[in-house]
């Protein structure tokens, strides 16, 4: 089970300005498209679930995310907004999502422990989880390689310091 500190209450309760969610969605879409370019097997591995709409509910964050693999788009919705139409979903803390994504925790263990909950099209969620496991993504590295020196080094070192201080799995550890 993840042992990361919960997000500070201030971050959990942020009321996003009206333009913050769309800007966040555009930034996340750019990251998703970069990942699709460098890891196309993630999307082919989804098979028919590429057309599914996945609701990613980070329960301790100010937004919910709607990920659409086929058009390579992520839309951010303020927590107070109505849920967008979706086919499948995953709900849990940011710590649980990051631990699963970076391979620190087994996705099945997180689901069975209740740290992550799934709903809707279970087969689509399983396909997504398996595709992400196989890709062995490292979000810090994806962001760092999208920048230029010296910002890339700063991003890696800052991520490492934040991970040690918070307990969050901010990158993939080599085993």
N, C-alpha and C. Protein backbone atom coordinates (compact mmCIF):
# COMPACT_ATOMS: atom_id res chain seq x y z
N UNK A 1 0.85 -1.18 0.00
CA UNK A 1 0.00 0.00 0.00
C UNK A 1 0.89 1.24 0.00
N UNK A 2 0.43 2.29 -0.60
CA UNK A 2 1.22 3.51 -0.70
C UNK A 2 1.33 4.18 0.65
N UNK A 3 2.51 4.76 0.90
CA UNK A 3 2.76 5.42 2.18
C UNK A 3 3.09 6.89 1.98
N UNK A 4 2.51 7.49 0.99
CA UNK A 4 2.76 8.90 0.71
C UNK A 4 1.89 9.76 1.60
N UNK A 5 2.41 10.92 1.90
CA UNK A 5 1.63 11.87 2.67
C UNK A 5 0.44 12.33 1.83
N UNK A 6 -0.71 12.56 2.47
CA UNK A 6 -1.84 13.06 1.69
C UNK A 6 -1.53 14.46 1.16
N UNK A 7 -2.18 14.82 0.08
CA UNK A 7 -2.00 16.18 -0.42
C UNK A 7 -2.40 17.16 0.67
N UNK A 8 -1.65 18.24 0.82
CA UNK A 8 -2.06 19.24 1.81
C UNK A 8 -3.49 19.70 1.56
N UNK A 9 -4.21 19.95 2.64
CA UNK A 9 -5.61 20.36 2.53
C UNK A 9 -5.79 21.56 1.60
N UNK A 10 -4.84 22.48 1.63
CA UNK A 10 -4.94 23.66 0.78
C UNK A 10 -5.02 23.24 -0.69
N UNK A 11 -4.18 22.28 -1.12
CA UNK A 11 -4.21 21.83 -2.50
C UNK A 11 -5.48 21.07 -2.81
N UNK A 12 -6.01 20.34 -1.83
CA UNK A 12 -7.24 19.58 -2.04
C UNK A 12 -8.44 20.49 -2.25
N UNK A 13 -8.42 21.64 -1.63
CA UNK A 13 -9.60 22.52 -1.63
C UNK A 13 -9.50 23.69 -2.59
N UNK A 14 -8.49 23.67 -3.43
CA UNK A 14 -8.32 24.77 -4.37
C UNK A 14 -9.56 24.90 -5.25
N UNK A 15 -10.09 26.09 -5.29
CA UNK A 15 -11.19 26.38 -6.21
C UNK A 15 -10.52 26.95 -7.45
N UNK A 16 -10.53 26.18 -8.51
CA UNK A 16 -9.83 26.60 -9.72
C UNK A 16 -10.52 27.79 -10.37
N UNK A 17 -9.72 28.75 -10.84
CA UNK A 17 -10.32 29.82 -11.63
C UNK A 17 -10.93 29.22 -12.90
N UNK A 18 -11.90 29.86 -13.50
CA UNK A 18 -12.59 29.28 -14.66
C UNK A 18 -11.68 28.82 -15.79
N UNK A 19 -10.56 29.47 -16.02
CA UNK A 19 -9.68 29.10 -17.13
C UNK A 19 -8.63 28.05 -16.74
N UNK A 20 -8.51 27.71 -15.46
CA UNK A 20 -7.47 26.79 -15.03
C UNK A 20 -7.71 25.36 -15.53
N UNK A 21 -8.93 24.86 -15.46
CA UNK A 21 -9.20 23.49 -15.89
C UNK A 21 -8.94 23.31 -17.39
N UNK A 22 -9.42 24.22 -18.26
CA UNK A 22 -9.09 24.06 -19.68
C UNK A 22 -7.58 24.13 -19.97
N UNK A 23 -6.88 25.02 -19.27
CA UNK A 23 -5.43 25.12 -19.48
C UNK A 23 -4.74 23.83 -19.03
N UNK A 24 -5.17 23.29 -17.91
CA UNK A 24 -4.61 22.03 -17.43
C UNK A 24 -4.91 20.91 -18.44
N UNK A 25 -6.11 20.89 -18.96
CA UNK A 25 -6.48 19.89 -19.96
C UNK A 25 -5.60 19.97 -21.20
N UNK A 26 -5.32 21.20 -21.67
CA UNK A 26 -4.46 21.36 -22.84
C UNK A 26 -3.04 20.88 -22.55
N UNK A 27 -2.52 21.18 -21.35
CA UNK A 27 -1.18 20.73 -20.99
C UNK A 27 -1.12 19.21 -20.91
N UNK A 28 -2.13 18.60 -20.30
CA UNK A 28 -2.15 17.15 -20.19
C UNK A 28 -2.34 16.48 -21.55
N UNK A 29 -3.11 17.11 -22.43
CA UNK A 29 -3.27 16.58 -23.78
C UNK A 29 -1.93 16.59 -24.51
N UNK A 30 -1.16 17.67 -24.35
CA UNK A 30 0.17 17.73 -24.98
C UNK A 30 1.06 16.61 -24.46
N UNK A 31 1.00 16.35 -23.15
CA UNK A 31 1.80 15.26 -22.57
C UNK A 31 1.32 13.92 -23.12
N UNK A 32 0.00 13.71 -23.18
CA UNK A 32 -0.54 12.45 -23.71
C UNK A 32 -0.10 12.24 -25.16
N UNK A 33 -0.13 13.28 -25.95
CA UNK A 33 0.29 13.15 -27.36
C UNK A 33 1.78 12.83 -27.46
N UNK A 34 2.57 13.41 -26.58
CA UNK A 34 4.01 13.10 -26.55
C UNK A 34 4.23 11.64 -26.18
N UNK A 35 3.50 11.17 -25.19
CA UNK A 35 3.60 9.77 -24.79
C UNK A 35 3.17 8.87 -25.93
N UNK A 36 2.09 9.24 -26.64
CA UNK A 36 1.62 8.44 -27.77
C UNK A 36 2.68 8.36 -28.86
N UNK A 37 3.40 9.44 -29.07
CA UNK A 37 4.45 9.47 -30.08
C UNK A 37 5.62 8.55 -29.70
N UNK A 38 5.99 8.58 -28.44
CA UNK A 38 7.15 7.80 -27.98
C UNK A 38 6.81 6.39 -27.52
N UNK A 39 5.55 6.13 -27.22
CA UNK A 39 5.12 4.81 -26.74
C UNK A 39 3.83 4.40 -27.44
N UNK A 40 3.85 4.25 -28.76
CA UNK A 40 2.62 3.95 -29.49
C UNK A 40 1.99 2.62 -29.11
N UNK A 41 2.77 1.70 -28.55
CA UNK A 41 2.23 0.39 -28.17
C UNK A 41 1.16 0.51 -27.09
N UNK A 42 1.22 1.57 -26.29
CA UNK A 42 0.18 1.77 -25.26
C UNK A 42 -1.18 1.79 -25.93
N UNK A 43 -1.28 2.53 -27.01
CA UNK A 43 -2.57 2.74 -27.63
C UNK A 43 -3.00 1.55 -28.48
N UNK A 44 -2.06 0.91 -29.15
CA UNK A 44 -2.43 -0.29 -29.91
C UNK A 44 -2.81 -1.42 -28.97
N UNK A 45 -2.17 -1.48 -27.80
CA UNK A 45 -2.49 -2.52 -26.83
C UNK A 45 -3.92 -2.36 -26.28
N UNK A 46 -4.45 -1.17 -26.33
CA UNK A 46 -5.82 -0.95 -25.85
C UNK A 46 -6.85 -1.65 -26.73
N UNK A 47 -6.47 -1.92 -27.97
CA UNK A 47 -7.40 -2.59 -28.88
C UNK A 47 -8.69 -1.81 -29.01
N UNK A 48 -9.84 -2.50 -28.92
CA UNK A 48 -11.12 -1.80 -29.09
C UNK A 48 -11.39 -0.76 -28.00
N UNK A 49 -10.66 -0.84 -26.89
CA UNK A 49 -10.87 0.13 -25.81
C UNK A 49 -10.25 1.49 -26.13
N UNK A 50 -9.57 1.62 -27.28
CA UNK A 50 -9.03 2.92 -27.68
C UNK A 50 -10.12 3.97 -27.81
N UNK A 51 -11.33 3.51 -28.13
CA UNK A 51 -12.43 4.47 -28.30
C UNK A 51 -13.18 4.73 -27.00
N UNK A 52 -12.78 4.07 -25.92
CA UNK A 52 -13.44 4.29 -24.62
C UNK A 52 -13.07 5.67 -24.06
N UNK A 53 -13.98 6.20 -23.28
CA UNK A 53 -13.73 7.45 -22.57
C UNK A 53 -13.51 7.10 -21.11
N UNK A 54 -12.30 7.39 -20.59
CA UNK A 54 -11.91 7.01 -19.24
C UNK A 54 -12.00 8.21 -18.31
N UNK A 55 -12.76 8.08 -17.24
CA UNK A 55 -12.81 9.11 -16.22
C UNK A 55 -11.74 8.77 -15.19
N UNK A 56 -10.82 9.69 -14.97
CA UNK A 56 -9.75 9.53 -13.98
C UNK A 56 -10.10 10.49 -12.84
N UNK A 57 -10.54 9.93 -11.73
CA UNK A 57 -10.99 10.74 -10.59
C UNK A 57 -9.92 10.70 -9.51
N UNK A 58 -9.09 11.73 -9.49
CA UNK A 58 -8.07 11.87 -8.46
C UNK A 58 -8.78 12.49 -7.26
N UNK A 59 -9.12 11.65 -6.29
CA UNK A 59 -10.04 12.06 -5.22
C UNK A 59 -9.49 13.15 -4.32
N UNK A 60 -8.17 13.29 -4.24
CA UNK A 60 -7.60 14.33 -3.38
C UNK A 60 -7.08 15.51 -4.20
N UNK A 61 -7.58 15.66 -5.40
CA UNK A 61 -7.19 16.78 -6.26
C UNK A 61 -8.38 17.63 -6.62
N UNK A 62 -8.14 18.79 -7.20
CA UNK A 62 -9.23 19.72 -7.52
C UNK A 62 -9.93 19.43 -8.84
N UNK A 63 -9.44 18.46 -9.62
CA UNK A 63 -10.04 18.18 -10.93
C UNK A 63 -10.26 16.69 -11.13
N UNK A 64 -11.17 16.39 -12.06
CA UNK A 64 -11.34 15.04 -12.61
C UNK A 64 -10.87 15.14 -14.05
N UNK A 65 -10.35 14.04 -14.57
CA UNK A 65 -9.83 14.04 -15.93
C UNK A 65 -10.61 13.06 -16.78
N UNK A 66 -10.89 13.46 -18.00
CA UNK A 66 -11.51 12.57 -18.98
C UNK A 66 -10.46 12.30 -20.04
N UNK A 67 -10.00 11.04 -20.12
CA UNK A 67 -8.99 10.66 -21.09
C UNK A 67 -9.65 9.93 -22.24
N UNK A 68 -9.37 10.41 -23.45
CA UNK A 68 -9.89 9.80 -24.66
C UNK A 68 -8.68 9.36 -25.50
N UNK A 69 -8.33 8.06 -25.46
CA UNK A 69 -7.13 7.60 -26.16
C UNK A 69 -7.15 7.81 -27.66
N UNK A 70 -8.30 7.58 -28.31
CA UNK A 70 -8.33 7.65 -29.77
C UNK A 70 -7.95 9.04 -30.30
N UNK A 71 -8.57 10.11 -29.80
CA UNK A 71 -8.14 11.43 -30.28
C UNK A 71 -6.94 11.99 -29.51
N UNK A 72 -6.40 11.17 -28.56
CA UNK A 72 -5.23 11.59 -27.77
C UNK A 72 -5.53 12.89 -27.04
N UNK A 73 -6.63 12.86 -26.25
CA UNK A 73 -7.08 14.08 -25.59
C UNK A 73 -7.39 13.80 -24.12
N UNK A 74 -7.02 14.75 -23.27
CA UNK A 74 -7.42 14.73 -21.87
C UNK A 74 -8.11 16.06 -21.59
N UNK A 75 -9.27 15.99 -20.96
CA UNK A 75 -10.02 17.18 -20.59
C UNK A 75 -10.10 17.20 -19.07
N UNK A 76 -9.80 18.35 -18.48
CA UNK A 76 -9.89 18.51 -17.03
C UNK A 76 -11.21 19.18 -16.69
N UNK A 77 -11.86 18.65 -15.66
CA UNK A 77 -13.12 19.21 -15.17
C UNK A 77 -12.96 19.54 -13.70
N UNK A 78 -13.37 20.73 -13.31
CA UNK A 78 -13.34 21.10 -11.90
C UNK A 78 -14.14 20.07 -11.11
N UNK A 79 -13.71 19.77 -9.92
CA UNK A 79 -14.35 18.75 -9.08
C UNK A 79 -15.84 19.06 -8.90
N UNK A 80 -16.20 20.31 -8.84
CA UNK A 80 -17.60 20.68 -8.59
C UNK A 80 -18.48 20.53 -9.84
N UNK A 81 -17.86 20.33 -11.02
CA UNK A 81 -18.64 20.20 -12.27
C UNK A 81 -19.31 18.83 -12.33
N UNK A 82 -20.38 18.75 -13.12
CA UNK A 82 -21.03 17.47 -13.35
C UNK A 82 -20.05 16.51 -14.02
N UNK A 83 -20.23 15.22 -13.74
CA UNK A 83 -19.37 14.22 -14.37
C UNK A 83 -19.64 14.18 -15.87
N UNK A 84 -18.58 14.16 -16.66
CA UNK A 84 -18.78 14.05 -18.10
C UNK A 84 -19.17 12.62 -18.47
N UNK A 85 -19.81 12.42 -19.61
CA UNK A 85 -20.12 11.05 -20.04
C UNK A 85 -18.82 10.25 -20.19
N UNK A 86 -18.84 9.02 -19.70
CA UNK A 86 -17.64 8.17 -19.76
C UNK A 86 -18.07 6.71 -19.84
N UNK A 87 -17.15 5.87 -20.32
CA UNK A 87 -17.41 4.43 -20.43
C UNK A 87 -16.84 3.66 -19.26
N UNK A 88 -15.74 4.14 -18.72
CA UNK A 88 -15.03 3.44 -17.66
C UNK A 88 -14.36 4.47 -16.78
N UNK A 89 -14.01 4.05 -15.58
CA UNK A 89 -13.36 5.01 -14.70
C UNK A 89 -12.50 4.35 -13.64
N UNK A 90 -11.59 5.17 -13.14
CA UNK A 90 -10.71 4.77 -12.04
C UNK A 90 -10.73 5.93 -11.05
N UNK A 91 -10.86 5.60 -9.77
CA UNK A 91 -10.93 6.61 -8.73
C UNK A 91 -9.94 6.25 -7.63
N UNK A 92 -9.23 7.25 -7.12
CA UNK A 92 -8.30 7.03 -6.02
C UNK A 92 -7.44 8.24 -5.79
N UNK A 93 -6.56 8.13 -4.83
CA UNK A 93 -5.67 9.24 -4.48
C UNK A 93 -4.56 9.38 -5.52
N UNK A 94 -3.98 10.57 -5.55
CA UNK A 94 -2.85 10.80 -6.46
C UNK A 94 -1.70 9.85 -6.12
N UNK A 95 -1.50 9.57 -4.84
CA UNK A 95 -0.43 8.67 -4.43
C UNK A 95 -0.63 7.28 -5.04
N UNK A 96 -1.86 6.78 -5.01
CA UNK A 96 -2.14 5.45 -5.57
C UNK A 96 -1.95 5.44 -7.08
N UNK A 97 -2.43 6.47 -7.77
CA UNK A 97 -2.26 6.54 -9.22
C UNK A 97 -0.78 6.56 -9.60
N UNK A 98 -0.01 7.40 -8.92
CA UNK A 98 1.42 7.51 -9.25
C UNK A 98 2.17 6.22 -8.92
N UNK A 99 1.81 5.59 -7.81
CA UNK A 99 2.46 4.33 -7.43
C UNK A 99 2.20 3.25 -8.47
N UNK A 100 0.97 3.19 -8.99
CA UNK A 100 0.65 2.20 -10.03
C UNK A 100 1.36 2.54 -11.33
N UNK A 101 1.28 3.79 -11.75
CA UNK A 101 1.87 4.20 -13.02
C UNK A 101 3.38 3.95 -13.05
N UNK A 102 4.05 4.22 -11.95
CA UNK A 102 5.51 4.09 -11.91
C UNK A 102 5.98 2.74 -11.40
N UNK A 103 5.06 1.80 -11.25
CA UNK A 103 5.44 0.43 -10.91
C UNK A 103 5.88 0.20 -9.48
N UNK A 104 5.62 1.16 -8.60
CA UNK A 104 5.99 0.97 -7.19
C UNK A 104 5.00 0.03 -6.49
N UNK A 105 3.74 0.08 -6.92
CA UNK A 105 2.69 -0.78 -6.36
C UNK A 105 2.02 -1.53 -7.50
N UNK A 106 1.63 -2.75 -7.24
CA UNK A 106 0.92 -3.56 -8.22
C UNK A 106 -0.51 -3.04 -8.35
N UNK A 107 -0.95 -2.85 -9.59
CA UNK A 107 -2.29 -2.34 -9.83
C UNK A 107 -3.37 -3.20 -9.23
N UNK A 108 -3.24 -4.53 -9.35
CA UNK A 108 -4.24 -5.43 -8.77
C UNK A 108 -4.31 -5.25 -7.26
N UNK A 109 -3.16 -5.14 -6.62
CA UNK A 109 -3.15 -4.97 -5.16
C UNK A 109 -3.83 -3.66 -4.77
N UNK A 110 -3.60 -2.61 -5.55
CA UNK A 110 -4.24 -1.33 -5.26
C UNK A 110 -5.75 -1.42 -5.42
N UNK A 111 -6.22 -2.17 -6.43
CA UNK A 111 -7.66 -2.34 -6.63
C UNK A 111 -8.26 -3.18 -5.51
N UNK A 112 -7.61 -4.29 -5.16
CA UNK A 112 -8.17 -5.17 -4.13
C UNK A 112 -8.14 -4.54 -2.75
N UNK A 113 -7.18 -3.67 -2.49
CA UNK A 113 -7.10 -3.01 -1.19
C UNK A 113 -8.09 -1.85 -1.08
N UNK A 114 -8.64 -1.43 -2.22
CA UNK A 114 -9.56 -0.29 -2.22
C UNK A 114 -8.88 1.05 -2.42
N UNK A 115 -7.54 1.06 -2.57
CA UNK A 115 -6.83 2.32 -2.80
C UNK A 115 -7.23 2.91 -4.15
N UNK A 116 -7.56 2.05 -5.11
CA UNK A 116 -8.10 2.47 -6.40
C UNK A 116 -9.40 1.72 -6.62
N UNK A 117 -10.40 2.40 -7.13
CA UNK A 117 -11.67 1.76 -7.45
C UNK A 117 -11.91 1.91 -8.95
N UNK A 118 -12.50 0.88 -9.53
CA UNK A 118 -12.84 0.95 -10.95
C UNK A 118 -14.35 0.86 -11.11
N UNK A 119 -14.84 1.43 -12.19
CA UNK A 119 -16.27 1.38 -12.46
C UNK A 119 -16.48 1.47 -13.97
N UNK A 120 -17.66 1.05 -14.38
CA UNK A 120 -17.97 1.05 -15.81
C UNK A 120 -17.39 -0.18 -16.49
N UNK A 121 -16.85 0.00 -17.68
CA UNK A 121 -16.31 -1.08 -18.50
C UNK A 121 -15.00 -1.60 -17.90
N UNK A 122 -15.11 -2.65 -17.10
CA UNK A 122 -13.95 -3.21 -16.40
C UNK A 122 -12.89 -3.70 -17.38
N UNK A 123 -13.30 -4.28 -18.51
CA UNK A 123 -12.34 -4.77 -19.50
C UNK A 123 -11.50 -3.62 -20.05
N UNK A 124 -12.12 -2.46 -20.27
CA UNK A 124 -11.39 -1.30 -20.77
C UNK A 124 -10.37 -0.81 -19.74
N UNK A 125 -10.76 -0.78 -18.47
CA UNK A 125 -9.84 -0.35 -17.41
C UNK A 125 -8.67 -1.33 -17.32
N UNK A 126 -8.95 -2.62 -17.40
CA UNK A 126 -7.89 -3.63 -17.35
C UNK A 126 -6.95 -3.47 -18.54
N UNK A 127 -7.49 -3.22 -19.72
CA UNK A 127 -6.64 -3.01 -20.91
C UNK A 127 -5.74 -1.79 -20.72
N UNK A 128 -6.30 -0.71 -20.17
CA UNK A 128 -5.52 0.49 -19.92
C UNK A 128 -4.41 0.21 -18.91
N UNK A 129 -4.76 -0.43 -17.82
CA UNK A 129 -3.76 -0.74 -16.80
C UNK A 129 -2.65 -1.61 -17.35
N UNK A 130 -3.00 -2.64 -18.13
CA UNK A 130 -1.98 -3.52 -18.71
C UNK A 130 -1.09 -2.77 -19.70
N UNK A 131 -1.70 -1.90 -20.51
CA UNK A 131 -0.92 -1.13 -21.48
C UNK A 131 0.06 -0.20 -20.77
N UNK A 132 -0.38 0.43 -19.69
CA UNK A 132 0.51 1.33 -18.94
C UNK A 132 1.61 0.55 -18.22
N UNK A 133 1.26 -0.62 -17.66
CA UNK A 133 2.28 -1.46 -17.02
C UNK A 133 3.38 -1.83 -18.02
N UNK A 134 2.97 -2.28 -19.20
CA UNK A 134 3.94 -2.70 -20.21
C UNK A 134 4.83 -1.56 -20.69
N UNK A 135 4.30 -0.35 -20.72
CA UNK A 135 5.05 0.80 -21.23
C UNK A 135 6.14 1.26 -20.27
N UNK A 136 5.99 0.94 -18.99
CA UNK A 136 6.96 1.36 -17.97
C UNK A 136 7.25 2.86 -18.07
N UNK A 137 6.17 3.64 -18.05
CA UNK A 137 6.29 5.10 -18.15
C UNK A 137 6.98 5.69 -16.94
N UNK A 138 7.62 6.82 -17.17
CA UNK A 138 8.22 7.63 -16.12
C UNK A 138 7.84 9.08 -16.44
N UNK A 139 6.87 9.60 -15.70
CA UNK A 139 6.36 10.94 -16.01
C UNK A 139 7.43 12.02 -15.88
N UNK A 140 8.28 11.91 -14.86
CA UNK A 140 9.35 12.89 -14.72
C UNK A 140 10.25 12.88 -15.95
N UNK A 141 10.61 11.70 -16.40
CA UNK A 141 11.49 11.58 -17.57
C UNK A 141 10.79 12.09 -18.84
N UNK A 142 9.50 11.79 -18.97
CA UNK A 142 8.75 12.28 -20.13
C UNK A 142 8.76 13.81 -20.16
N UNK A 143 8.55 14.43 -19.01
CA UNK A 143 8.56 15.90 -18.95
C UNK A 143 9.96 16.45 -19.14
N UNK A 144 10.96 15.81 -18.54
CA UNK A 144 12.33 16.30 -18.64
C UNK A 144 12.84 16.24 -20.08
N UNK A 145 12.52 15.18 -20.81
CA UNK A 145 13.00 15.08 -22.19
C UNK A 145 12.25 16.02 -23.13
N UNK A 146 11.17 16.59 -22.65
CA UNK A 146 10.43 17.57 -23.47
C UNK A 146 10.97 18.98 -23.27
N UNK A 147 11.91 19.14 -22.36
CA UNK A 147 12.46 20.47 -22.07
C UNK A 147 13.91 20.54 -22.54
N UNK A 148 14.53 21.67 -22.30
CA UNK A 148 15.92 21.89 -22.70
C UNK A 148 16.78 22.07 -21.46
N UNK A 149 18.08 21.85 -21.63
CA UNK A 149 19.03 22.06 -20.54
C UNK A 149 19.04 23.55 -20.21
N UNK A 150 19.19 23.93 -19.00
CA UNK A 150 19.38 23.12 -17.80
C UNK A 150 18.07 22.76 -17.10
N UNK A 151 16.93 23.14 -17.69
CA UNK A 151 15.66 22.88 -17.04
C UNK A 151 15.42 21.38 -16.86
N UNK A 152 15.88 20.54 -17.78
CA UNK A 152 15.68 19.10 -17.66
C UNK A 152 16.35 18.55 -16.41
N UNK A 153 17.58 19.00 -16.15
CA UNK A 153 18.28 18.53 -14.94
C UNK A 153 17.59 19.04 -13.68
N UNK A 154 17.17 20.30 -13.72
CA UNK A 154 16.47 20.88 -12.57
C UNK A 154 15.19 20.10 -12.30
N UNK A 155 14.45 19.76 -13.35
CA UNK A 155 13.20 19.01 -13.19
C UNK A 155 13.45 17.65 -12.56
N UNK A 156 14.48 16.94 -13.03
CA UNK A 156 14.79 15.63 -12.46
C UNK A 156 15.20 15.74 -10.98
N UNK A 157 16.06 16.69 -10.65
CA UNK A 157 16.51 16.80 -9.26
C UNK A 157 15.38 17.28 -8.35
N UNK A 158 14.56 18.21 -8.82
CA UNK A 158 13.42 18.68 -8.03
C UNK A 158 12.42 17.55 -7.80
N UNK A 159 12.17 16.76 -8.84
CA UNK A 159 11.26 15.62 -8.71
C UNK A 159 11.78 14.63 -7.67
N UNK A 160 13.08 14.36 -7.70
CA UNK A 160 13.67 13.42 -6.73
C UNK A 160 13.53 13.96 -5.30
N UNK A 161 13.79 15.25 -5.11
CA UNK A 161 13.65 15.84 -3.77
C UNK A 161 12.19 15.80 -3.30
N UNK A 162 11.27 16.14 -4.20
CA UNK A 162 9.84 16.10 -3.83
C UNK A 162 9.39 14.68 -3.51
N UNK A 163 9.88 13.71 -4.27
CA UNK A 163 9.51 12.31 -4.01
C UNK A 163 10.00 11.88 -2.63
N UNK A 164 11.24 12.23 -2.29
CA UNK A 164 11.76 11.86 -0.96
C UNK A 164 10.97 12.54 0.16
N UNK A 165 10.62 13.80 -0.03
CA UNK A 165 9.92 14.55 1.00
C UNK A 165 8.47 14.11 1.16
N UNK A 166 7.82 13.75 0.06
CA UNK A 166 6.39 13.46 0.11
C UNK A 166 6.05 11.98 0.17
N UNK A 167 6.95 11.14 -0.33
CA UNK A 167 6.65 9.71 -0.44
C UNK A 167 5.93 9.35 -1.72
N UNK A 168 5.63 10.33 -2.58
CA UNK A 168 4.97 10.07 -3.85
C UNK A 168 5.96 9.43 -4.83
N UNK A 169 5.47 8.51 -5.64
CA UNK A 169 6.28 7.89 -6.70
C UNK A 169 6.24 8.80 -7.91
N UNK A 170 7.15 9.75 -7.97
CA UNK A 170 7.15 10.75 -9.05
C UNK A 170 7.93 10.28 -10.27
N UNK A 171 8.63 9.16 -10.15
CA UNK A 171 9.32 8.60 -11.29
C UNK A 171 9.49 7.11 -11.06
N UNK A 172 9.92 6.43 -12.09
CA UNK A 172 10.09 4.98 -12.04
C UNK A 172 11.46 4.69 -11.44
N UNK A 173 11.49 3.81 -10.46
CA UNK A 173 12.76 3.41 -9.85
C UNK A 173 13.27 2.17 -10.55
N UNK A 174 14.57 2.16 -10.82
CA UNK A 174 15.17 0.97 -11.44
C UNK A 174 15.36 -0.09 -10.35
N UNK A 175 14.99 -1.30 -10.69
CA UNK A 175 15.10 -2.40 -9.71
C UNK A 175 16.25 -3.29 -10.08
